[in-house]
Amino acid sequence: MIGVGVGVSELWLMLAALVILVLGSILSFKHSKLGFYTAIVALILGLLACRSTYYGSFIFAIGIINLVSLEAIKSEIKGVDYGLVGLMALATMYIFNTSDLSLVLASLVLVSVPTYVLVMIREGGANVELGVKYIVFMVFATVLFMIGAIILAAEIESMYIIGYVMLILGLALEVGVAPLHVWVPDVFASADPIPISIIGSMAKILPFIAAIKILISTSCPLTETITLFTAILAGISMFTGNIGALTAKEHGRVLGYSTVANMGYVLSCIVAIANPEFICVALTGGLLMLFSNAAGKIGFFNAIKGKGAYSPLMYILAFSFIGVPPLLGFWGKLFIILSLVEVGYIWLAVILVINSAISVPYYTRLARELGIGWKANIANFVCIAVVVITLVTIVPPNWFVEGVKILVQNMGLAIGV
């Protein structure tokens, strides 16, 4: 059963961060920069409250880079958009601080709802038609996820499979796992690149963590059988995303299908809940893959907005997506593959390797088409920042594994690496 697990000091820091964020958003109607500065202060408080230093640092960095990237777009809600991004980052930092079901689901909503506004932002007016399409899918996804979570938390064995399937389907629709990915290519191709870079990076992390926390805490003897459903979805998503990206022409659409494939990689790590001994390995791989996806999406979408970015930066991000060692994406895929082998899903590990090979042509094509000479602009500075994130694993991420061990131990599970 999911219970309460929030430190008093952590809670007060998070509440203070939220108050500062709200005040900054209100005051930003007159002075838009206040929204930016208060969002940074709020993220610093959120980082102090986060139980995992390494995890919190990644989210903090991604949040700050997203805030900076908003400078590249003239928004009609300038100032408030900083607050929305700050809220998403705070909720994502907070998710590991609690195991209370209501707070986990509240965090999911706090990440999802700001994207309803962000997706409509563009220069020259709101993209309402696209926003309505996106919101319909997201509301349905959130409802499915919540119903599934509540059924699982009720711990009625006869309802377990129904709850599990509903939660996974809600997650799949939320993040864009095939075959529930129909909204992803169109939204990624039609929305402004800057808001979609935020949605494609920050909004993908918390739903997976929420799902893993709920599934771990409610696992039962049926879990080992039903994880096959998740494995099949993951395999379908990998092939659908990579084949779709190979045939797509628009850069935004290619990155949309790339997201479908990457979410398939991350979804595959959930099958490890069938064997709690290897949860640590799987969670390490999933988190590193999510951070790699976030860094790459921010970099490529900012390059699209800036009509190109410095070519070497584009290729580094492409190589990280492909899984070239020792970049961040390589370690994410490696840990996921190791967890799949350990729990007996060797066939899914093989599919992951095959799909990594399939992705090589379109990632190198993106890097070639978006790569240009050096210019001192926002796009290049943002790309430098996300490349630094992908390069942190030049030092093998044993340090990150140790941090994940502590998180898993806090969930009351045995661990193994």
Protein backbone atom coordinates (compact mmCIF):
# COMPACT_ATOMS: atom_id res chain seq x y z
CA MET A 1 0.00 0.00 0.00
CA ILE A 2 1.27 3.46 -0.85
CA GLY A 3 1.71 5.51 2.30
CA VAL A 4 2.98 8.86 3.52
CA GLY A 5 6.67 9.66 3.40
CA VAL A 6 7.39 13.39 3.31
CA GLY A 7 9.92 15.16 5.55
CA VAL A 8 8.64 18.31 7.26
CA SER A 9 11.61 20.46 6.23
CA GLU A 10 11.36 19.21 2.63
CA LEU A 11 7.67 20.03 2.57
CA TRP A 12 8.22 23.55 3.86
CA LEU A 13 10.93 24.18 1.28
CA MET A 14 8.63 23.01 -1.50
CA LEU A 15 5.76 25.15 -0.21
CA ALA A 16 8.08 28.17 -0.06
CA ALA A 17 9.19 27.47 -3.63
CA LEU A 18 5.57 27.30 -4.79
CA VAL A 19 4.68 30.58 -3.06
CA ILE A 20 7.66 32.33 -4.64
CA LEU A 21 6.75 30.87 -8.04
CA VAL A 22 3.13 32.07 -7.79
CA LEU A 23 4.11 35.56 -6.61
CA GLY A 24 6.70 35.81 -9.39
CA SER A 25 4.14 34.80 -12.01
CA ILE A 26 1.66 37.41 -10.74
CA LEU A 27 4.24 40.20 -10.63
CA SER A 28 5.58 39.24 -14.05
CA PHE A 29 2.52 40.78 -15.70
CA LYS A 30 4.24 44.14 -15.16
CA HIS A 31 7.88 43.01 -15.13
CA SER A 32 8.31 39.79 -17.11
CA LYS A 33 11.89 39.21 -15.92
CA LEU A 34 10.62 38.77 -12.36
CA GLY A 35 9.04 35.53 -13.51
CA PHE A 36 12.43 34.30 -14.70
CA TYR A 37 14.32 35.20 -11.53
CA THR A 38 11.68 33.91 -9.12
CA ALA A 39 11.52 30.64 -11.09
CA ILE A 40 15.28 30.21 -10.59
CA VAL A 41 14.95 30.90 -6.83
CA ALA A 42 12.09 28.39 -6.64
CA LEU A 43 14.18 25.75 -8.43
CA ILE A 44 17.06 26.30 -6.01
CA LEU A 45 14.70 25.69 -3.08
CA GLY A 46 13.31 22.64 -4.87
CA LEU A 47 16.81 21.26 -5.33
CA LEU A 48 17.52 21.73 -1.61
CA ALA A 49 14.33 19.82 -0.80
CA CYS A 50 15.01 16.95 -3.24
CA ARG A 51 16.13 13.74 -1.52
CA SER A 52 18.39 12.71 -4.38
CA THR A 53 21.21 15.17 -5.09
CA TYR A 54 22.14 13.67 -8.47
CA TYR A 55 18.56 13.26 -9.69
CA GLY A 56 17.64 16.72 -8.43
CA SER A 57 20.69 18.25 -10.12
CA PHE A 58 19.71 16.81 -13.50
CA ILE A 59 16.15 18.15 -13.16
CA PHE A 60 17.46 21.53 -11.94
CA ALA A 61 19.78 21.79 -14.96
CA ILE A 62 17.04 20.79 -17.41
CA GLY A 63 14.65 23.27 -15.80
CA ILE A 64 17.14 26.16 -15.97
CA ILE A 65 17.98 25.42 -19.61
CA ASN A 66 14.27 25.35 -20.47
CA LEU A 67 13.82 28.72 -18.76
CA VAL A 68 16.68 30.21 -20.79
CA SER A 69 15.34 28.74 -24.04
CA LEU A 70 12.07 30.67 -23.55
CA GLU A 71 14.05 33.82 -24.37
CA ALA A 72 14.00 32.70 -28.00
CA ILE A 73 10.24 33.17 -28.33
CA LYS A 74 8.01 36.23 -27.98
CA SER A 75 5.16 34.91 -25.90
CA GLU A 76 1.91 36.72 -25.12
CA ILE A 77 2.18 35.39 -21.56
CA LYS A 78 5.82 36.31 -21.07
CA GLY A 79 6.66 35.87 -17.41
CA VAL A 80 3.89 33.38 -16.70
CA ASP A 81 5.55 30.87 -19.00
CA TYR A 82 8.58 30.91 -16.67
CA GLY A 83 6.27 30.03 -13.81
CA LEU A 84 4.75 27.13 -15.73
CA VAL A 85 8.18 25.65 -16.49
CA GLY A 86 9.24 26.19 -12.87
CA LEU A 87 6.13 24.39 -11.64
CA MET A 88 6.86 21.40 -13.87
CA ALA A 89 10.44 21.22 -12.61
CA LEU A 90 9.41 21.49 -8.94
CA ALA A 91 6.85 18.68 -9.29
CA THR A 92 9.44 16.50 -11.04
CA MET A 93 11.97 17.11 -8.25
CA TYR A 94 9.35 16.35 -5.60
CA ILE A 95 8.16 12.99 -6.92
CA PHE A 96 10.84 10.97 -5.14
CA ASN A 97 10.10 12.72 -1.83
CA THR A 98 6.76 11.04 -1.31
CA SER A 99 5.10 7.67 -1.60
CA ASP A 100 1.63 8.98 -0.79
CA LEU A 101 -0.68 8.09 -3.70
CA SER A 102 -2.59 11.39 -3.64
CA LEU A 103 0.63 13.41 -3.75
CA VAL A 104 2.10 11.24 -6.51
CA LEU A 105 -1.02 11.80 -8.63
CA ALA A 106 -1.07 15.51 -7.75
CA SER A 107 2.53 15.78 -8.98
CA LEU A 108 1.48 14.13 -12.25
CA VAL A 109 -1.25 16.72 -12.73
CA LEU A 110 1.14 19.59 -11.87
CA VAL A 111 3.44 18.48 -14.68
CA SER A 112 0.70 17.75 -17.20
CA VAL A 113 -1.57 20.81 -16.88
CA PRO A 114 1.09 23.50 -17.65
CA THR A 115 1.74 21.77 -20.97
CA TYR A 116 -1.87 22.54 -21.97
CA VAL A 117 -0.90 26.21 -22.08
CA LEU A 118 2.68 25.81 -23.32
CA VAL A 119 1.67 23.78 -26.39
CA MET A 120 -0.44 26.71 -27.65
CA ILE A 121 2.30 29.34 -27.32
CA ARG A 122 3.60 30.71 -30.60
CA GLU A 123 4.60 34.08 -31.99
CA GLY A 124 1.62 35.93 -33.40
CA GLY A 125 -1.11 34.33 -31.29
CA ALA A 126 -2.17 31.13 -29.59
CA ASN A 127 -2.40 27.90 -31.59
CA VAL A 128 -5.82 26.98 -30.22
CA GLU A 129 -6.65 24.19 -32.66
CA LEU A 130 -3.46 22.32 -31.82
CA GLY A 131 -4.02 22.99 -28.13
CA VAL A 132 -7.50 21.46 -28.15
CA LYS A 133 -6.24 18.33 -29.90
CA TYR A 134 -3.39 17.96 -27.42
CA ILE A 135 -5.53 18.64 -24.33
CA VAL A 136 -8.14 16.02 -25.29
CA PHE A 137 -5.48 13.33 -25.47
CA MET A 138 -3.75 14.44 -22.25
CA VAL A 139 -6.96 14.62 -20.19
CA PHE A 140 -7.96 11.14 -21.34
CA ALA A 141 -4.43 9.88 -20.53
CA THR A 142 -4.49 11.38 -17.03
CA VAL A 143 -7.93 9.93 -16.28
CA LEU A 144 -6.84 6.45 -17.44
CA PHE A 145 -3.66 6.67 -15.36
CA MET A 146 -5.48 7.80 -12.23
CA ILE A 147 -8.20 5.17 -12.44
CA GLY A 148 -5.57 2.49 -12.94
CA ALA A 149 -3.54 3.81 -9.97
CA ILE A 150 -6.58 3.86 -7.68
CA ILE A 151 -7.56 0.31 -8.66
CA LEU A 152 -4.02 -0.90 -7.97
CA ALA A 153 -3.86 0.92 -4.63
CA ALA A 154 -7.09 -0.79 -3.56
CA GLU A 155 -5.11 -4.08 -3.65
CA ILE A 156 -8.01 -6.18 -4.93
CA GLU A 157 -6.27 -9.11 -6.60
CA SER A 158 -9.13 -9.82 -9.01
CA MET A 159 -8.88 -6.23 -10.30
CA TYR A 160 -5.08 -6.09 -10.49
CA ILE A 161 -4.72 -6.80 -14.21
CA ILE A 162 -7.40 -4.23 -15.09
CA GLY A 163 -5.69 -1.60 -12.96
CA TYR A 164 -2.25 -2.44 -14.36
CA VAL A 165 -3.41 -2.27 -17.99
CA MET A 166 -5.27 1.03 -17.45
CA LEU A 167 -2.26 2.62 -15.76
CA ILE A 168 0.14 1.49 -18.51
CA LEU A 169 -2.25 2.64 -21.25
CA GLY A 170 -2.62 6.02 -19.52
CA LEU A 171 1.15 6.31 -19.28
CA ALA A 172 1.55 5.30 -22.93
CA LEU A 173 -0.94 7.93 -24.09
CA GLU A 174 0.62 10.58 -21.82
CA VAL A 175 4.20 10.18 -23.06
CA GLY A 176 3.55 8.93 -26.60
CA VAL A 177 4.17 5.18 -26.60
CA ALA A 178 2.94 3.39 -29.75
CA PRO A 179 0.30 2.48 -30.71
CA LEU A 180 -1.14 5.31 -28.56
CA HIS A 181 1.22 7.83 -30.13
CA VAL A 182 -1.08 9.31 -32.76
CA TRP A 183 -0.89 12.84 -31.35
CA VAL A 184 2.90 12.99 -31.10
CA PRO A 185 4.14 13.49 -34.72
CA ASP A 186 1.50 16.13 -35.54
CA VAL A 187 1.99 18.10 -32.31
CA PHE A 188 5.79 17.98 -32.53
CA ALA A 189 5.68 19.12 -36.18
CA SER A 190 3.05 21.86 -35.73
CA ALA A 191 3.85 23.48 -32.36
CA ASP A 192 6.49 26.15 -31.87
CA PRO A 193 9.87 24.40 -31.32
CA ILE A 194 10.58 26.07 -27.95
CA PRO A 195 7.41 25.05 -26.06
CA ILE A 196 7.55 21.58 -27.61
CA SER A 197 11.17 21.21 -26.47
CA ILE A 198 9.92 21.73 -22.91
CA ILE A 199 7.09 19.21 -23.37
CA GLY A 200 9.42 16.74 -25.07
CA SER A 201 11.96 16.98 -22.24
CA MET A 202 10.52 17.84 -18.82
CA ALA A 203 7.01 16.43 -19.24
CA LYS A 204 8.24 12.91 -20.04
CA ILE A 205 10.13 12.26 -16.80
CA LEU A 206 7.59 12.36 -13.96
CA PRO A 207 4.90 10.10 -15.53
CA PHE A 208 7.38 7.22 -15.73
CA ILE A 209 8.59 7.72 -12.16
CA ALA A 210 5.01 7.92 -10.88
CA ALA A 211 4.12 4.71 -12.72
CA ILE A 212 7.17 2.85 -11.40
CA LYS A 213 6.51 3.95 -7.80
CA ILE A 214 2.88 2.82 -7.99
CA LEU A 215 3.65 -0.48 -9.74
CA ILE A 216 6.46 -1.35 -7.32
CA SER A 217 4.37 -0.67 -4.23
CA THR A 218 1.36 -2.65 -5.51
CA SER A 219 3.13 -5.62 -7.13
CA CYS A 220 1.70 -9.08 -6.51
CA PRO A 221 2.11 -12.64 -7.90
CA LEU A 222 0.29 -11.58 -11.09
CA THR A 223 2.90 -8.93 -11.88
CA GLU A 224 5.37 -11.32 -13.48
CA THR A 225 2.75 -12.44 -16.01
CA ILE A 226 1.26 -9.07 -16.94
CA THR A 227 4.65 -7.42 -17.54
CA LEU A 228 4.62 -9.19 -20.91
CA PHE A 229 1.94 -6.67 -21.94
CA THR A 230 4.35 -3.83 -21.16
CA ALA A 231 7.21 -5.55 -23.00
CA ILE A 232 5.10 -5.95 -26.17
CA LEU A 233 4.06 -2.27 -26.08
CA ALA A 234 7.71 -1.25 -25.64
CA GLY A 235 8.80 -3.31 -28.64
CA ILE A 236 6.00 -1.93 -30.83
CA SER A 237 6.91 1.61 -29.82
CA MET A 238 10.59 1.14 -30.66
CA PHE A 239 9.89 -0.10 -34.18
CA THR A 240 7.06 2.36 -34.84
CA GLY A 241 9.11 5.33 -33.71
CA ASN A 242 12.32 4.49 -35.51
CA ILE A 243 10.69 3.43 -38.79
CA GLY A 244 8.46 6.53 -38.68
CA ALA A 245 11.49 8.77 -38.11
CA LEU A 246 13.34 7.15 -41.04
CA THR A 247 10.53 8.05 -43.43
CA ALA A 248 9.60 11.49 -42.01
CA LYS A 249 10.91 14.64 -43.69
CA GLU A 250 10.06 17.54 -41.34
CA HIS A 251 12.55 17.92 -38.52
CA GLY A 252 9.83 18.29 -35.89
CA ARG A 253 8.07 15.17 -37.11
CA VAL A 254 11.34 13.20 -37.07
CA LEU A 255 11.87 14.24 -33.46
CA GLY A 256 8.28 13.29 -32.67
CA TYR A 257 8.83 9.75 -33.91
CA SER A 258 12.19 9.74 -32.13
CA THR A 259 10.29 10.41 -28.91
CA VAL A 260 7.99 7.46 -29.61
CA ALA A 261 11.04 5.21 -29.93
CA ASN A 262 12.76 6.62 -26.84
CA MET A 263 9.63 6.21 -24.74
CA GLY A 264 9.60 2.57 -25.86
CA TYR A 265 13.14 2.16 -24.55
CA VAL A 266 12.19 3.66 -21.19
CA LEU A 267 8.94 1.70 -20.97
CA SER A 268 10.90 -1.54 -21.33
CA CYS A 269 12.64 -0.94 -17.99
CA ILE A 270 9.27 -1.26 -16.22
CA VAL A 271 9.27 -5.03 -16.84
CA ALA A 272 11.93 -5.27 -14.10
CA ILE A 273 9.24 -4.80 -11.44
CA ALA A 274 8.63 -8.53 -11.89
CA ASN A 275 11.96 -9.08 -10.10
CA PRO A 276 12.59 -6.40 -7.41
CA GLU A 277 16.24 -7.46 -7.14
CA PHE A 278 16.99 -5.68 -10.43
CA ILE A 279 14.81 -2.59 -9.97
CA CYS A 280 17.91 -0.49 -9.25
CA VAL A 281 19.54 -1.38 -12.57
CA ALA A 282 16.32 -0.76 -14.49
CA LEU A 283 15.56 2.54 -12.77
CA THR A 284 19.11 3.77 -13.36
CA GLY A 285 18.77 2.99 -17.07
CA GLY A 286 15.32 4.55 -17.32
CA LEU A 287 16.35 7.79 -15.61
CA LEU A 288 19.56 8.16 -17.63
CA MET A 289 17.58 7.52 -20.82
CA LEU A 290 15.00 10.14 -19.83
CA PHE A 291 17.74 12.69 -19.13
CA SER A 292 19.41 11.85 -22.45
CA ASN A 293 16.09 12.29 -24.27
CA ALA A 294 15.51 15.62 -22.50
CA ALA A 295 18.96 16.99 -23.38
CA GLY A 296 18.67 15.89 -27.01
CA LYS A 297 15.14 17.23 -27.54
CA ILE A 298 16.03 20.60 -26.03
CA GLY A 299 19.12 20.85 -28.23
CA PHE A 300 17.54 19.82 -31.51
CA PHE A 301 14.35 21.87 -31.09
CA ASN A 302 16.34 24.97 -30.16
CA ALA A 303 18.44 24.35 -33.27
CA ILE A 304 15.24 24.23 -35.35
CA LYS A 305 14.09 27.51 -33.80
CA GLY A 306 17.49 29.13 -34.38
CA LYS A 307 17.66 27.81 -37.96
CA GLY A 308 20.59 25.60 -37.10
CA ALA A 309 23.26 25.24 -34.42
CA TYR A 310 26.99 24.56 -34.27
CA SER A 311 27.58 21.31 -36.15
CA PRO A 312 29.81 19.50 -33.58
CA LEU A 313 27.15 20.07 -30.90
CA MET A 314 24.48 18.55 -33.14
CA TYR A 315 26.56 15.45 -33.78
CA ILE A 316 27.31 14.93 -30.07
CA LEU A 317 23.58 15.02 -29.29
CA ALA A 318 22.88 12.66 -32.21
CA PHE A 319 25.54 10.21 -30.99
CA SER A 320 24.05 10.30 -27.49
CA PHE A 321 20.62 9.40 -28.91
CA ILE A 322 22.16 6.55 -30.92
CA GLY A 323 23.98 5.23 -27.85
CA VAL A 324 27.65 5.91 -28.59
CA PRO A 325 29.84 5.45 -25.47
CA PRO A 326 30.54 7.14 -23.14
CA LEU A 327 27.70 9.61 -23.77
CA LEU A 328 24.61 9.72 -21.54
CA GLY A 329 22.36 7.85 -23.97
CA PHE A 330 24.77 4.91 -24.10
CA TRP A 331 24.64 4.34 -20.35
CA GLY A 332 20.87 4.62 -20.28
CA LYS A 333 20.49 1.94 -22.93
CA LEU A 334 23.20 -0.24 -21.35
CA PHE A 335 21.52 -0.34 -17.94
CA ILE A 336 18.11 -1.01 -19.50
CA ILE A 337 19.57 -3.89 -21.55
CA LEU A 338 21.28 -5.35 -18.47
CA SER A 339 18.02 -5.23 -16.50
CA LEU A 340 16.11 -6.91 -19.36
CA VAL A 341 18.67 -9.72 -19.59
CA GLU A 342 18.61 -10.26 -15.82
CA VAL A 343 14.81 -10.57 -15.68
CA GLY A 344 14.66 -12.90 -18.68
CA TYR A 345 13.48 -10.55 -21.43
CA ILE A 346 16.46 -11.19 -23.71
CA TRP A 347 14.29 -10.86 -26.82
CA LEU A 348 13.32 -7.30 -25.82
CA ALA A 349 16.98 -6.44 -25.19
CA VAL A 350 17.78 -7.65 -28.73
CA ILE A 351 14.95 -5.51 -30.13
CA LEU A 352 16.39 -2.49 -28.31
CA VAL A 353 19.83 -3.08 -29.84
CA ILE A 354 18.34 -3.55 -33.33
CA ASN A 355 16.35 -0.33 -33.02
CA SER A 356 19.40 1.59 -31.86
CA ALA A 357 21.04 0.56 -35.14
CA ILE A 358 17.93 1.55 -37.12
CA SER A 359 18.08 5.04 -35.61
CA VAL A 360 21.59 5.84 -36.89
CA PRO A 361 20.60 7.22 -40.35
CA TYR A 362 17.96 9.70 -39.20
CA TYR A 363 19.91 11.04 -36.22
CA THR A 364 22.98 11.65 -38.37
CA ARG A 365 20.73 13.23 -41.02
CA LEU A 366 19.27 15.59 -38.41
CA ALA A 367 22.74 16.54 -37.22
CA ARG A 368 23.91 17.15 -40.80
CA GLU A 369 20.87 19.23 -41.82
CA LEU A 370 20.74 21.31 -38.63
CA GLY A 371 24.50 21.69 -38.23
CA ILE A 372 25.94 25.07 -39.24
CA GLY A 373 28.92 27.24 -38.36
CA TRP A 374 29.29 28.93 -35.00
CA LYS A 375 26.99 31.85 -34.13
CA ALA A 376 26.71 33.58 -30.76
CA ASN A 377 22.97 33.07 -30.24
CA ILE A 378 20.59 31.49 -27.70
CA ALA A 379 20.31 28.26 -29.68
CA ASN A 380 24.05 27.59 -29.53
CA PHE A 381 24.38 28.48 -25.86
CA VAL A 382 21.46 26.19 -25.02
CA CYS A 383 23.04 23.42 -27.11
CA ILE A 384 26.35 23.84 -25.28
CA ALA A 385 24.52 23.43 -21.97
CA VAL A 386 22.72 20.23 -22.99
CA VAL A 387 25.90 18.80 -24.53
CA VAL A 388 27.57 19.28 -21.14
CA ILE A 389 24.77 17.16 -19.65
CA THR A 390 25.37 14.39 -22.19
CA LEU A 391 29.09 14.45 -21.41
CA VAL A 392 28.81 14.03 -17.61
CA THR A 393 28.96 10.25 -18.05
CA ILE A 394 32.49 10.43 -19.42
CA VAL A 395 33.06 9.55 -15.76
CA PRO A 396 31.21 6.18 -15.58
CA PRO A 397 27.94 6.78 -13.69
CA ASN A 398 28.66 4.64 -10.63
CA TRP A 399 27.93 7.82 -8.69
CA PHE A 400 24.43 7.89 -10.16
CA VAL A 401 23.87 4.20 -9.47
CA GLU A 402 24.66 4.77 -5.79
CA GLY A 403 22.11 7.58 -5.68
CA VAL A 404 19.46 5.36 -7.25
CA LYS A 405 20.25 2.61 -4.72
CA ILE A 406 19.33 4.98 -1.92
CA LEU A 407 16.08 5.92 -3.66
CA VAL A 408 15.17 2.28 -4.16
CA GLN A 409 16.03 1.42 -0.56
CA ASN A 410 13.68 4.22 0.53
CA MET A 411 10.96 2.34 -1.33
CA GLY A 412 11.66 -0.67 0.91
CA LEU A 413 12.96 -3.02 -1.79
CA ALA A 414 15.95 -5.32 -2.12
CA ILE A 415 18.42 -4.12 -4.72
CA GLY A 416 21.11 -5.54 -6.93
CA VAL A 417 23.53 -4.23 -9.54
